[in-house]
Amino acid sequence: MCSLFCRLLKLGAILMFIIFPLFGKWEYRAAASLKISPADHVDIKITPEVRFQGDGLDKYLAESEAEYDFFDFFEVGASYRLIVKHVKSEPDIIRHRLAAYVNAEIKIGRTQPSFRVMYNSYEEDEEISNIIRVKTTLDHNIPNSKIDPSIAAEIYHYFSTSVFYKFRYSFVLDWHPSGPHSVEFKYKLDDYMSSDKIRHLMEIEYEFEL
């Protein structure tokens, strides 16, 4: 018998891949990450990424991130991102982003809910500054499977006010083929509060962990 989490995944798949794609525009992203652990409870991740829209290349990015696990259920992190926006027939536009976050999680059987609060100095999607992001994620480990699914909902709002401007819903399949290799297939839906604008994001990220 299908569990409750399985039923939610089926509902999410129907909404995300059949109904929602009828509306809005699409963006495609590809990334490759190297993750290392130089010390106990410390992880460092380096990620180059490219992003495409309907008319071709949109941005390319490079990000470095450091994370420290205080406890099994609580971690803090910070990152720096270099953003290069490609503009046809003009010089590329360079931007920088700093981010910091705290994340809490708890494991319940094979399911792991988590809650994250992040500050962004700059948001490259909308080209605005000082953003707070609040995200809730539900991960699930499937027995005898190399693929683990997760779903998430995230709220974006301005740091100086309590105004929400975007909701993001995510569906992720995390594939662990062997050893230090993993590949994430991600679908994200951005729903903007101040207009009828909807954006679909398809992402693939390969990670190698030392």
N, C-alpha and C. Protein backbone atom coordinates (compact mmCIF):
# COMPACT_ATOMS: atom_id res chain seq x y z
N MET A 1 0.85 -1.19 0.00
CA MET A 1 0.00 0.00 0.00
C MET A 1 0.88 1.25 0.00
N CYS A 2 0.50 2.22 -0.81
CA CYS A 2 1.30 3.44 -0.94
C CYS A 2 1.18 4.28 0.33
N SER A 3 2.32 4.74 0.84
CA SER A 3 2.32 5.57 2.04
C SER A 3 1.79 6.96 1.73
N LEU A 4 1.55 7.74 2.80
CA LEU A 4 1.08 9.12 2.63
C LEU A 4 2.09 9.93 1.83
N PHE A 5 3.39 9.73 2.11
CA PHE A 5 4.41 10.48 1.39
C PHE A 5 4.37 10.12 -0.10
N CYS A 6 4.16 8.86 -0.41
CA CYS A 6 4.06 8.42 -1.80
C CYS A 6 2.88 9.08 -2.50
N ARG A 7 1.76 9.18 -1.80
CA ARG A 7 0.58 9.82 -2.39
C ARG A 7 0.83 11.30 -2.65
N LEU A 8 1.52 11.96 -1.71
CA LEU A 8 1.84 13.38 -1.91
C LEU A 8 2.77 13.57 -3.10
N LEU A 9 3.72 12.65 -3.27
CA LEU A 9 4.62 12.73 -4.42
C LEU A 9 3.85 12.59 -5.73
N LYS A 10 2.89 11.68 -5.77
CA LYS A 10 2.10 11.51 -6.98
C LYS A 10 1.30 12.76 -7.29
N LEU A 11 0.69 13.35 -6.26
CA LEU A 11 -0.07 14.58 -6.46
C LEU A 11 0.84 15.70 -6.94
N GLY A 12 2.01 15.82 -6.31
CA GLY A 12 2.95 16.86 -6.72
C GLY A 12 3.41 16.66 -8.15
N ALA A 13 3.66 15.41 -8.54
CA ALA A 13 4.09 15.13 -9.91
C ALA A 13 3.02 15.52 -10.92
N ILE A 14 1.75 15.24 -10.62
CA ILE A 14 0.65 15.60 -11.51
C ILE A 14 0.57 17.11 -11.68
N LEU A 15 0.66 17.83 -10.56
CA LEU A 15 0.56 19.29 -10.62
C LEU A 15 1.75 19.89 -11.36
N MET A 16 2.96 19.42 -11.03
CA MET A 16 4.17 20.06 -11.54
C MET A 16 4.46 19.74 -13.00
N PHE A 17 4.15 18.51 -13.43
CA PHE A 17 4.55 18.10 -14.77
C PHE A 17 3.40 18.09 -15.78
N ILE A 18 2.16 18.21 -15.32
CA ILE A 18 1.02 18.17 -16.24
C ILE A 18 0.25 19.48 -16.25
N ILE A 19 -0.07 20.01 -15.07
CA ILE A 19 -0.94 21.19 -15.01
C ILE A 19 -0.14 22.49 -15.04
N PHE A 20 0.83 22.66 -14.12
CA PHE A 20 1.57 23.91 -14.03
C PHE A 20 2.33 24.27 -15.31
N PRO A 21 2.94 23.30 -16.03
CA PRO A 21 3.69 23.67 -17.22
C PRO A 21 2.87 24.32 -18.33
N LEU A 22 1.54 24.29 -18.22
CA LEU A 22 0.72 24.96 -19.21
C LEU A 22 0.81 26.46 -19.09
N PHE A 23 1.35 26.97 -17.99
CA PHE A 23 1.42 28.40 -17.75
C PHE A 23 2.88 28.80 -17.49
N GLY A 24 3.20 30.07 -17.79
CA GLY A 24 4.50 30.62 -17.42
C GLY A 24 5.61 30.30 -18.41
N LYS A 25 6.80 30.80 -18.09
CA LYS A 25 7.97 30.59 -18.94
C LYS A 25 8.93 29.62 -18.26
N TRP A 26 9.89 29.11 -19.05
CA TRP A 26 10.81 28.07 -18.58
C TRP A 26 12.24 28.58 -18.55
N GLU A 27 13.00 28.06 -17.58
CA GLU A 27 14.43 28.33 -17.48
C GLU A 27 15.12 27.01 -17.17
N TYR A 28 16.33 26.83 -17.72
CA TYR A 28 17.06 25.58 -17.56
C TYR A 28 18.43 25.86 -16.94
N ARG A 29 18.84 25.00 -16.01
CA ARG A 29 20.08 25.21 -15.28
C ARG A 29 20.85 23.90 -15.19
N ALA A 30 22.20 24.03 -15.22
CA ALA A 30 23.07 22.86 -15.06
C ALA A 30 24.25 23.25 -14.19
N ALA A 31 24.60 22.37 -13.24
CA ALA A 31 25.68 22.67 -12.29
C ALA A 31 26.47 21.42 -11.99
N ALA A 32 27.72 21.63 -11.56
CA ALA A 32 28.59 20.53 -11.13
C ALA A 32 29.29 20.98 -9.85
N SER A 33 29.25 20.14 -8.81
CA SER A 33 29.77 20.53 -7.50
C SER A 33 30.87 19.59 -7.03
N LEU A 34 31.82 20.17 -6.33
CA LEU A 34 32.85 19.41 -5.62
C LEU A 34 32.67 19.69 -4.14
N LYS A 35 32.48 18.63 -3.34
CA LYS A 35 32.26 18.77 -1.91
C LYS A 35 33.38 18.09 -1.14
N ILE A 36 33.97 18.83 -0.21
CA ILE A 36 35.06 18.27 0.60
C ILE A 36 34.77 18.54 2.07
N SER A 37 35.38 17.72 2.94
CA SER A 37 35.24 17.89 4.39
C SER A 37 36.64 18.02 4.99
N PRO A 38 37.18 19.23 5.08
CA PRO A 38 38.55 19.42 5.57
C PRO A 38 38.72 19.17 7.07
N ALA A 39 37.61 19.19 7.81
CA ALA A 39 37.66 18.96 9.26
C ALA A 39 36.34 18.37 9.71
N ASP A 40 36.32 17.87 10.94
CA ASP A 40 35.08 17.32 11.49
C ASP A 40 33.98 18.37 11.51
N HIS A 41 32.81 17.98 11.04
CA HIS A 41 31.62 18.83 11.06
C HIS A 41 31.69 20.01 10.09
N VAL A 42 32.70 20.06 9.23
CA VAL A 42 32.86 21.16 8.29
C VAL A 42 32.79 20.61 6.86
N ASP A 43 31.95 21.23 6.03
CA ASP A 43 31.85 20.89 4.62
C ASP A 43 32.06 22.14 3.78
N ILE A 44 32.80 21.98 2.70
CA ILE A 44 33.02 23.07 1.75
C ILE A 44 32.57 22.57 0.38
N LYS A 45 31.83 23.43 -0.32
CA LYS A 45 31.28 23.04 -1.62
C LYS A 45 31.57 24.15 -2.64
N ILE A 46 32.08 23.74 -3.80
CA ILE A 46 32.38 24.66 -4.88
C ILE A 46 31.55 24.26 -6.09
N THR A 47 30.79 25.24 -6.65
CA THR A 47 29.82 24.91 -7.69
C THR A 47 29.83 25.93 -8.82
N PRO A 48 30.26 25.56 -10.01
CA PRO A 48 29.99 26.38 -11.20
C PRO A 48 28.62 26.00 -11.79
N GLU A 49 27.97 26.97 -12.42
CA GLU A 49 26.61 26.74 -12.92
C GLU A 49 26.36 27.61 -14.16
N VAL A 50 25.55 27.10 -15.08
CA VAL A 50 25.09 27.87 -16.23
C VAL A 50 23.57 27.86 -16.26
N ARG A 51 22.99 28.96 -16.75
CA ARG A 51 21.53 29.07 -16.81
C ARG A 51 21.12 29.53 -18.20
N PHE A 52 20.04 28.93 -18.69
CA PHE A 52 19.55 29.24 -20.03
C PHE A 52 18.07 29.63 -19.96
N GLN A 53 17.70 30.57 -20.83
CA GLN A 53 16.30 30.90 -21.04
C GLN A 53 15.94 30.62 -22.49
N GLY A 54 14.75 31.04 -22.88
CA GLY A 54 14.29 30.71 -24.22
C GLY A 54 15.17 31.21 -25.34
N ASP A 55 15.84 32.34 -25.14
CA ASP A 55 16.67 32.90 -26.19
C ASP A 55 18.14 32.55 -26.05
N GLY A 56 18.47 31.56 -25.20
CA GLY A 56 19.86 31.12 -25.09
C GLY A 56 20.44 31.35 -23.71
N LEU A 57 21.77 31.51 -23.66
CA LEU A 57 22.49 31.68 -22.41
C LEU A 57 22.01 32.92 -21.66
N ASP A 58 21.73 32.76 -20.36
CA ASP A 58 21.29 33.88 -19.53
C ASP A 58 22.36 34.30 -18.54
N LYS A 59 22.87 33.36 -17.75
CA LYS A 59 23.88 33.68 -16.73
C LYS A 59 24.83 32.49 -16.57
N TYR A 60 26.02 32.77 -16.08
CA TYR A 60 26.88 31.73 -15.54
C TYR A 60 27.41 32.20 -14.20
N LEU A 61 27.54 31.25 -13.29
CA LEU A 61 27.81 31.56 -11.90
C LEU A 61 28.91 30.65 -11.35
N ALA A 62 29.53 31.11 -10.27
CA ALA A 62 30.46 30.29 -9.50
C ALA A 62 30.22 30.57 -8.03
N GLU A 63 30.03 29.51 -7.24
CA GLU A 63 29.69 29.69 -5.83
C GLU A 63 30.59 28.83 -4.95
N SER A 64 31.01 29.40 -3.84
CA SER A 64 31.72 28.64 -2.81
C SER A 64 30.90 28.74 -1.52
N GLU A 65 30.74 27.61 -0.86
CA GLU A 65 29.89 27.54 0.33
C GLU A 65 30.58 26.75 1.43
N ALA A 66 30.47 27.23 2.66
CA ALA A 66 31.01 26.54 3.82
C ALA A 66 29.88 26.29 4.82
N GLU A 67 29.87 25.09 5.40
CA GLU A 67 28.80 24.71 6.33
C GLU A 67 29.40 24.03 7.55
N TYR A 68 28.87 24.38 8.72
CA TYR A 68 29.35 23.78 9.97
C TYR A 68 28.18 23.16 10.71
N ASP A 69 28.33 21.90 11.10
CA ASP A 69 27.30 21.19 11.85
C ASP A 69 27.57 21.33 13.35
N PHE A 70 26.74 22.13 14.02
CA PHE A 70 26.88 22.26 15.47
C PHE A 70 26.41 20.99 16.17
N PHE A 71 25.28 20.47 15.72
CA PHE A 71 24.71 19.24 16.26
C PHE A 71 24.22 18.40 15.08
N ASP A 72 23.72 17.21 15.36
CA ASP A 72 23.17 16.38 14.30
C ASP A 72 21.95 17.02 13.65
N PHE A 73 21.29 17.92 14.37
CA PHE A 73 20.04 18.50 13.90
C PHE A 73 20.13 19.99 13.58
N PHE A 74 21.33 20.61 13.73
CA PHE A 74 21.42 22.06 13.54
C PHE A 74 22.74 22.42 12.86
N GLU A 75 22.66 23.24 11.82
CA GLU A 75 23.85 23.64 11.08
C GLU A 75 23.73 25.09 10.63
N VAL A 76 24.89 25.72 10.41
CA VAL A 76 24.94 27.09 9.90
C VAL A 76 25.85 27.09 8.67
N GLY A 77 25.63 28.04 7.78
CA GLY A 77 26.44 28.10 6.57
C GLY A 77 26.50 29.50 6.00
N ALA A 78 27.47 29.70 5.14
CA ALA A 78 27.64 30.97 4.44
C ALA A 78 28.19 30.68 3.05
N SER A 79 27.91 31.58 2.11
CA SER A 79 28.37 31.36 0.75
C SER A 79 28.64 32.68 0.05
N TYR A 80 29.49 32.59 -0.97
CA TYR A 80 29.75 33.72 -1.87
C TYR A 80 29.46 33.24 -3.29
N ARG A 81 28.76 34.07 -4.06
CA ARG A 81 28.41 33.71 -5.44
C ARG A 81 28.81 34.84 -6.38
N LEU A 82 29.55 34.46 -7.42
CA LEU A 82 29.88 35.38 -8.51
C LEU A 82 28.87 35.15 -9.63
N ILE A 83 28.22 36.20 -10.06
CA ILE A 83 27.15 36.11 -11.06
C ILE A 83 27.55 36.92 -12.28
N VAL A 84 27.54 36.29 -13.43
CA VAL A 84 27.85 36.98 -14.69
C VAL A 84 26.62 36.86 -15.59
N LYS A 85 25.97 37.98 -15.84
CA LYS A 85 24.78 37.99 -16.69
C LYS A 85 25.20 38.27 -18.13
N HIS A 86 24.82 37.37 -19.00
CA HIS A 86 25.18 37.49 -20.41
C HIS A 86 24.20 38.42 -21.11
N VAL A 87 24.73 39.44 -21.77
CA VAL A 87 23.91 40.39 -22.52
C VAL A 87 24.40 40.40 -23.96
N LYS A 88 23.52 40.12 -24.89
CA LYS A 88 23.91 40.05 -26.29
C LYS A 88 24.37 41.42 -26.79
N SER A 89 25.46 41.43 -27.53
CA SER A 89 26.03 42.63 -28.17
C SER A 89 26.47 43.69 -27.17
N GLU A 90 26.57 43.32 -25.88
CA GLU A 90 27.03 44.24 -24.86
C GLU A 90 27.95 43.50 -23.89
N PRO A 91 28.75 44.25 -23.12
CA PRO A 91 29.60 43.57 -22.12
C PRO A 91 28.75 42.86 -21.07
N ASP A 92 29.26 41.72 -20.59
CA ASP A 92 28.56 41.00 -19.54
C ASP A 92 28.50 41.84 -18.27
N ILE A 93 27.45 41.63 -17.49
CA ILE A 93 27.24 42.36 -16.23
C ILE A 93 27.63 41.45 -15.07
N ILE A 94 28.51 41.92 -14.21
CA ILE A 94 29.01 41.12 -13.09
C ILE A 94 28.38 41.59 -11.78
N ARG A 95 27.89 40.63 -11.00
CA ARG A 95 27.30 40.93 -9.70
C ARG A 95 27.89 39.95 -8.67
N HIS A 96 27.74 40.30 -7.39
CA HIS A 96 28.24 39.46 -6.30
C HIS A 96 27.11 39.24 -5.29
N ARG A 97 27.10 38.04 -4.70
CA ARG A 97 26.08 37.74 -3.70
C ARG A 97 26.72 37.06 -2.50
N LEU A 98 26.37 37.57 -1.30
CA LEU A 98 26.73 36.92 -0.05
C LEU A 98 25.47 36.36 0.58
N ALA A 99 25.59 35.20 1.21
CA ALA A 99 24.44 34.59 1.85
C ALA A 99 24.86 33.92 3.14
N ALA A 100 23.93 33.85 4.09
CA ALA A 100 24.15 33.15 5.36
C ALA A 100 22.84 32.48 5.75
N TYR A 101 22.94 31.32 6.40
CA TYR A 101 21.71 30.60 6.74
C TYR A 101 21.91 29.75 7.99
N VAL A 102 20.78 29.40 8.58
CA VAL A 102 20.71 28.40 9.64
C VAL A 102 19.70 27.36 9.21
N ASN A 103 19.96 26.10 9.59
CA ASN A 103 19.10 25.00 9.16
C ASN A 103 18.92 24.02 10.31
N ALA A 104 17.67 23.63 10.55
CA ALA A 104 17.35 22.65 11.59
C ALA A 104 16.62 21.49 10.94
N GLU A 105 16.94 20.26 11.36
CA GLU A 105 16.31 19.09 10.78
C GLU A 105 16.17 17.99 11.83
N ILE A 106 15.23 17.12 11.56
CA ILE A 106 15.02 15.99 12.46
C ILE A 106 14.61 14.79 11.63
N LYS A 107 15.13 13.62 11.99
CA LYS A 107 14.83 12.42 11.24
C LYS A 107 13.74 11.62 11.94
N ILE A 108 12.69 11.29 11.20
CA ILE A 108 11.58 10.51 11.72
C ILE A 108 11.43 9.28 10.83
N GLY A 109 11.99 8.16 11.27
CA GLY A 109 11.99 6.98 10.43
C GLY A 109 12.82 7.24 9.18
N ARG A 110 12.22 7.07 8.02
CA ARG A 110 12.90 7.33 6.76
C ARG A 110 12.60 8.72 6.19
N THR A 111 11.87 9.51 6.94
CA THR A 111 11.49 10.85 6.51
C THR A 111 12.23 11.89 7.34
N GLN A 112 12.68 12.96 6.68
CA GLN A 112 13.44 13.98 7.38
C GLN A 112 12.92 15.37 7.01
N PRO A 113 12.11 15.99 7.87
CA PRO A 113 11.71 17.37 7.64
C PRO A 113 12.82 18.32 8.09
N SER A 114 12.93 19.47 7.41
CA SER A 114 13.93 20.47 7.78
C SER A 114 13.36 21.86 7.58
N PHE A 115 13.98 22.82 8.26
CA PHE A 115 13.53 24.22 8.23
C PHE A 115 14.76 25.11 8.13
N ARG A 116 14.78 25.99 7.11
CA ARG A 116 15.95 26.83 6.87
C ARG A 116 15.54 28.29 6.73
N VAL A 117 16.35 29.18 7.32
CA VAL A 117 16.19 30.63 7.14
C VAL A 117 17.49 31.15 6.54
N MET A 118 17.39 31.85 5.42
CA MET A 118 18.58 32.34 4.71
C MET A 118 18.46 33.83 4.43
N TYR A 119 19.61 34.53 4.55
CA TYR A 119 19.70 35.93 4.12
C TYR A 119 20.53 36.00 2.85
N ASN A 120 20.02 36.70 1.83
CA ASN A 120 20.76 36.95 0.59
C ASN A 120 21.02 38.44 0.44
N SER A 121 22.26 38.80 0.19
CA SER A 121 22.54 40.22 -0.07
C SER A 121 22.04 40.66 -1.43
N TYR A 122 21.87 39.69 -2.35
CA TYR A 122 21.42 40.01 -3.70
C TYR A 122 20.70 38.79 -4.26
N GLU A 123 19.63 39.02 -4.99
CA GLU A 123 18.86 37.94 -5.61
C GLU A 123 18.94 38.10 -7.12
N GLU A 124 19.69 37.22 -7.78
CA GLU A 124 19.99 37.41 -9.19
C GLU A 124 18.79 37.19 -10.11
N ASP A 125 17.80 36.42 -9.66
CA ASP A 125 16.64 36.17 -10.52
C ASP A 125 15.85 37.44 -10.77
N GLU A 126 15.67 38.24 -9.73
CA GLU A 126 14.90 39.48 -9.86
C GLU A 126 15.79 40.72 -9.82
N GLU A 127 17.08 40.53 -9.57
CA GLU A 127 18.06 41.62 -9.51
C GLU A 127 17.65 42.64 -8.43
N ILE A 128 17.42 42.14 -7.22
CA ILE A 128 17.08 42.98 -6.08
C ILE A 128 17.98 42.59 -4.91
N SER A 129 18.04 43.45 -3.89
CA SER A 129 18.97 43.26 -2.78
C SER A 129 18.24 42.99 -1.47
N ASN A 130 18.98 42.36 -0.55
CA ASN A 130 18.54 42.16 0.84
C ASN A 130 17.23 41.38 0.94
N ILE A 131 17.36 40.07 0.79
CA ILE A 131 16.21 39.17 0.75
C ILE A 131 16.33 38.14 1.88
N ILE A 132 15.19 37.84 2.51
CA ILE A 132 15.08 36.75 3.46
C ILE A 132 14.29 35.61 2.82
N ARG A 133 14.84 34.40 2.93
CA ARG A 133 14.17 33.22 2.39
C ARG A 133 13.91 32.22 3.51
N VAL A 134 12.68 31.76 3.60
CA VAL A 134 12.29 30.78 4.62
C VAL A 134 11.80 29.53 3.89
N LYS A 135 12.45 28.39 4.17
CA LYS A 135 12.20 27.18 3.40
C LYS A 135 11.91 25.98 4.31
N THR A 136 10.91 25.21 3.93
CA THR A 136 10.58 23.95 4.59
C THR A 136 10.72 22.81 3.59
N THR A 137 11.45 21.77 3.97
CA THR A 137 11.73 20.65 3.07
C THR A 137 11.35 19.34 3.75
N LEU A 138 10.87 18.40 2.95
CA LEU A 138 10.55 17.07 3.43
C LEU A 138 11.28 16.06 2.54
N ASP A 139 12.32 15.41 3.10
CA ASP A 139 13.08 14.38 2.38
C ASP A 139 12.60 12.99 2.79
N HIS A 140 12.71 12.07 1.85
CA HIS A 140 12.29 10.70 2.15
C HIS A 140 13.29 9.71 1.56
N ASN A 141 13.68 8.74 2.36
CA ASN A 141 14.59 7.68 1.92
C ASN A 141 13.78 6.44 1.58
N ILE A 142 13.88 6.00 0.32
CA ILE A 142 13.13 4.83 -0.13
C ILE A 142 13.98 3.57 0.08
N PRO A 143 13.46 2.56 0.76
CA PRO A 143 14.25 1.34 1.00
C PRO A 143 14.70 0.69 -0.30
N ASN A 144 15.95 0.23 -0.32
CA ASN A 144 16.51 -0.51 -1.45
C ASN A 144 16.43 0.27 -2.76
N SER A 145 16.58 1.58 -2.67
CA SER A 145 16.52 2.42 -3.86
C SER A 145 17.70 3.39 -3.85
N LYS A 146 18.22 3.68 -5.05
CA LYS A 146 19.29 4.66 -5.18
C LYS A 146 18.76 6.07 -5.44
N ILE A 147 17.44 6.21 -5.48
CA ILE A 147 16.81 7.51 -5.73
C ILE A 147 15.97 7.90 -4.52
N ASP A 148 16.24 9.08 -3.98
CA ASP A 148 15.47 9.61 -2.85
C ASP A 148 14.76 10.89 -3.28
N PRO A 149 13.45 10.99 -3.05
CA PRO A 149 12.71 12.19 -3.43
C PRO A 149 12.61 13.19 -2.28
N SER A 150 12.33 14.44 -2.63
CA SER A 150 12.03 15.45 -1.63
C SER A 150 11.12 16.50 -2.24
N ILE A 151 10.35 17.15 -1.37
CA ILE A 151 9.51 18.27 -1.77
C ILE A 151 9.79 19.44 -0.84
N ALA A 152 9.58 20.67 -1.33
CA ALA A 152 9.90 21.84 -0.52
C ALA A 152 9.01 23.01 -0.91
N ALA A 153 8.84 23.93 0.04
CA ALA A 153 8.15 25.19 -0.20
C ALA A 153 8.99 26.29 0.44
N GLU A 154 9.13 27.40 -0.28
CA GLU A 154 10.00 28.49 0.19
C GLU A 154 9.33 29.84 -0.06
N ILE A 155 9.49 30.73 0.91
CA ILE A 155 8.94 32.08 0.83
C ILE A 155 10.08 33.08 0.71
N TYR A 156 9.97 34.02 -0.21
CA TYR A 156 10.94 35.10 -0.38
C TYR A 156 10.29 36.41 0.06
N HIS A 157 10.99 37.18 0.90
CA HIS A 157 10.47 38.51 1.20
C HIS A 157 11.61 39.48 1.47
N TYR A 158 11.27 40.77 1.36
CA TYR A 158 12.26 41.83 1.52
C TYR A 158 12.71 41.91 2.98
N PHE A 159 14.00 42.10 3.18
CA PHE A 159 14.57 42.14 4.53
C PHE A 159 14.02 43.32 5.33
N SER A 160 13.83 44.47 4.69
CA SER A 160 13.44 45.69 5.41
C SER A 160 11.94 45.75 5.69
N THR A 161 11.15 44.92 5.06
CA THR A 161 9.70 44.92 5.27
C THR A 161 9.22 43.49 5.45
N SER A 162 7.94 43.36 5.69
CA SER A 162 7.35 42.02 5.83
C SER A 162 6.60 41.61 4.55
N VAL A 163 6.93 42.24 3.43
CA VAL A 163 6.23 41.99 2.18
C VAL A 163 6.80 40.74 1.50
N PHE A 164 5.95 39.77 1.23
CA PHE A 164 6.35 38.59 0.46
C PHE A 164 6.24 38.91 -1.02
N TYR A 165 7.21 38.48 -1.80
CA TYR A 165 7.09 38.75 -3.23
C TYR A 165 7.11 37.48 -4.08
N LYS A 166 7.50 36.34 -3.48
CA LYS A 166 7.54 35.12 -4.30
C LYS A 166 7.44 33.87 -3.43
N PHE A 167 6.73 32.87 -3.94
CA PHE A 167 6.73 31.53 -3.37
C PHE A 167 7.43 30.60 -4.36
N ARG A 168 8.24 29.68 -3.83
CA ARG A 168 8.89 28.68 -4.68
C ARG A 168 8.55 27.29 -4.16
N TYR A 169 8.08 26.42 -5.07
CA TYR A 169 7.77 25.04 -4.74
C TYR A 169 8.73 24.14 -5.52
N SER A 170 9.27 23.11 -4.86
CA SER A 170 10.31 22.30 -5.47
C SER A 170 10.00 20.81 -5.34
N PHE A 171 10.42 20.08 -6.35
CA PHE A 171 10.36 18.62 -6.34
C PHE A 171 11.71 18.12 -6.83
N VAL A 172 12.39 17.28 -6.03
CA VAL A 172 13.76 16.86 -6.33
C VAL A 172 13.87 15.35 -6.26
N LEU A 173 14.61 14.79 -7.21
CA LEU A 173 15.01 13.38 -7.17
C LEU A 173 16.53 13.34 -7.04
N ASP A 174 17.00 12.73 -5.95
CA ASP A 174 18.43 12.65 -5.66
C ASP A 174 18.90 11.23 -5.95
N TRP A 175 19.72 11.08 -7.00
CA TRP A 175 20.16 9.77 -7.45
C TRP A 175 21.61 9.53 -7.03
N HIS A 176 21.84 8.40 -6.34
CA HIS A 176 23.18 8.03 -5.89
C HIS A 176 23.60 6.76 -6.64
N PRO A 177 24.23 6.91 -7.81
CA PRO A 177 24.57 5.73 -8.60
C PRO A 177 25.64 4.86 -7.94
N SER A 178 26.70 5.49 -7.39
CA SER A 178 27.76 4.72 -6.74
C SER A 178 28.73 5.65 -6.04
N GLY A 179 29.31 5.18 -4.95
CA GLY A 179 30.40 5.86 -4.26
C GLY A 179 30.16 7.34 -4.02
N PRO A 180 31.12 8.17 -4.43
CA PRO A 180 31.05 9.61 -4.12
C PRO A 180 30.19 10.41 -5.10
N HIS A 181 29.56 9.73 -6.05
CA HIS A 181 28.81 10.43 -7.10
C HIS A 181 27.33 10.56 -6.72
N SER A 182 26.75 11.70 -7.07
CA SER A 182 25.30 11.86 -6.94
C SER A 182 24.83 12.86 -7.98
N VAL A 183 23.58 12.70 -8.39
CA VAL A 183 22.97 13.59 -9.38
C VAL A 183 21.59 13.97 -8.89
N GLU A 184 21.30 15.26 -8.88
CA GLU A 184 19.99 15.75 -8.49
C GLU A 184 19.25 16.29 -9.71
N PHE A 185 18.01 15.84 -9.87
CA PHE A 185 17.12 16.35 -10.89
C PHE A 185 16.06 17.19 -10.17
N LYS A 186 15.97 18.46 -10.54
CA LYS A 186 15.12 19.38 -9.78
C LYS A 186 14.11 20.08 -10.70
N TYR A 187 12.88 20.16 -10.19
CA TYR A 187 11.87 21.02 -10.82
C TYR A 187 11.43 22.04 -9.77
N LYS A 188 11.41 23.32 -10.17
CA LYS A 188 10.98 24.38 -9.26
C LYS A 188 9.95 25.26 -9.95
N LEU A 189 8.98 25.68 -9.17
CA LEU A 189 7.93 26.57 -9.66
C LEU A 189 7.97 27.85 -8.85
N ASP A 190 8.18 28.98 -9.51
CA ASP A 190 8.16 30.30 -8.86
C ASP A 190 6.82 30.97 -9.13
N ASP A 191 6.13 31.32 -8.06
CA ASP A 191 4.82 31.98 -8.13
C ASP A 191 4.96 33.36 -7.52
N TYR A 192 4.81 34.40 -8.34
CA TYR A 192 5.02 35.78 -7.89
C TYR A 192 3.73 36.38 -7.34
N MET A 193 3.84 37.05 -6.20
CA MET A 193 2.67 37.54 -5.50
C MET A 193 2.07 38.79 -6.12
N SER A 194 2.90 39.65 -6.70
CA SER A 194 2.41 40.95 -7.18
C SER A 194 1.89 40.90 -8.61
N SER A 195 1.93 39.73 -9.24
CA SER A 195 1.45 39.62 -10.62
C SER A 195 1.05 38.17 -10.87
N ASP A 196 0.60 37.92 -12.11
CA ASP A 196 0.24 36.56 -12.50
C ASP A 196 1.43 35.80 -13.06
N LYS A 197 2.63 36.33 -12.88
CA LYS A 197 3.84 35.72 -13.44
C LYS A 197 4.14 34.38 -12.76
N ILE A 198 4.44 33.39 -13.57
CA ILE A 198 4.86 32.07 -13.10
C ILE A 198 6.09 31.66 -13.90
N ARG A 199 7.06 31.07 -13.22
CA ARG A 199 8.27 30.62 -13.89
C ARG A 199 8.58 29.18 -13.49
N HIS A 200 8.98 28.38 -14.47
CA HIS A 200 9.36 26.99 -14.24
C HIS A 200 10.87 26.86 -14.38
N LEU A 201 11.48 26.15 -13.47
CA LEU A 201 12.92 25.93 -13.49
C LEU A 201 13.19 24.43 -13.55
N MET A 202 13.97 24.01 -14.53
CA MET A 202 14.45 22.63 -14.60
C MET A 202 15.95 22.64 -14.37
N GLU A 203 16.42 21.85 -13.40
CA GLU A 203 17.83 21.86 -13.03
C GLU A 203 18.39 20.44 -12.95
N ILE A 204 19.66 20.33 -13.27
CA ILE A 204 20.39 19.09 -13.03
C ILE A 204 21.73 19.47 -12.40
N GLU A 205 22.09 18.79 -11.31
CA GLU A 205 23.34 19.07 -10.61
C GLU A 205 24.07 17.76 -10.29
N TYR A 206 25.30 17.69 -10.76
CA TYR A 206 26.16 16.57 -10.44
C TYR A 206 27.08 16.95 -9.28
N GLU A 207 27.26 16.04 -8.33
CA GLU A 207 28.13 16.32 -7.18
C GLU A 207 29.11 15.16 -6.97
N PHE A 208 30.36 15.56 -6.73
CA PHE A 208 31.40 14.59 -6.39
C PHE A 208 31.89 14.94 -4.99
N GLU A 209 31.83 13.98 -4.07
CA GLU A 209 32.21 14.22 -2.68
C GLU A 209 33.50 13.49 -2.34
N LEU A 210 34.49 14.26 -1.90
CA LEU A 210 35.75 13.68 -1.49
C LEU A 210 35.68 13.21 -0.04
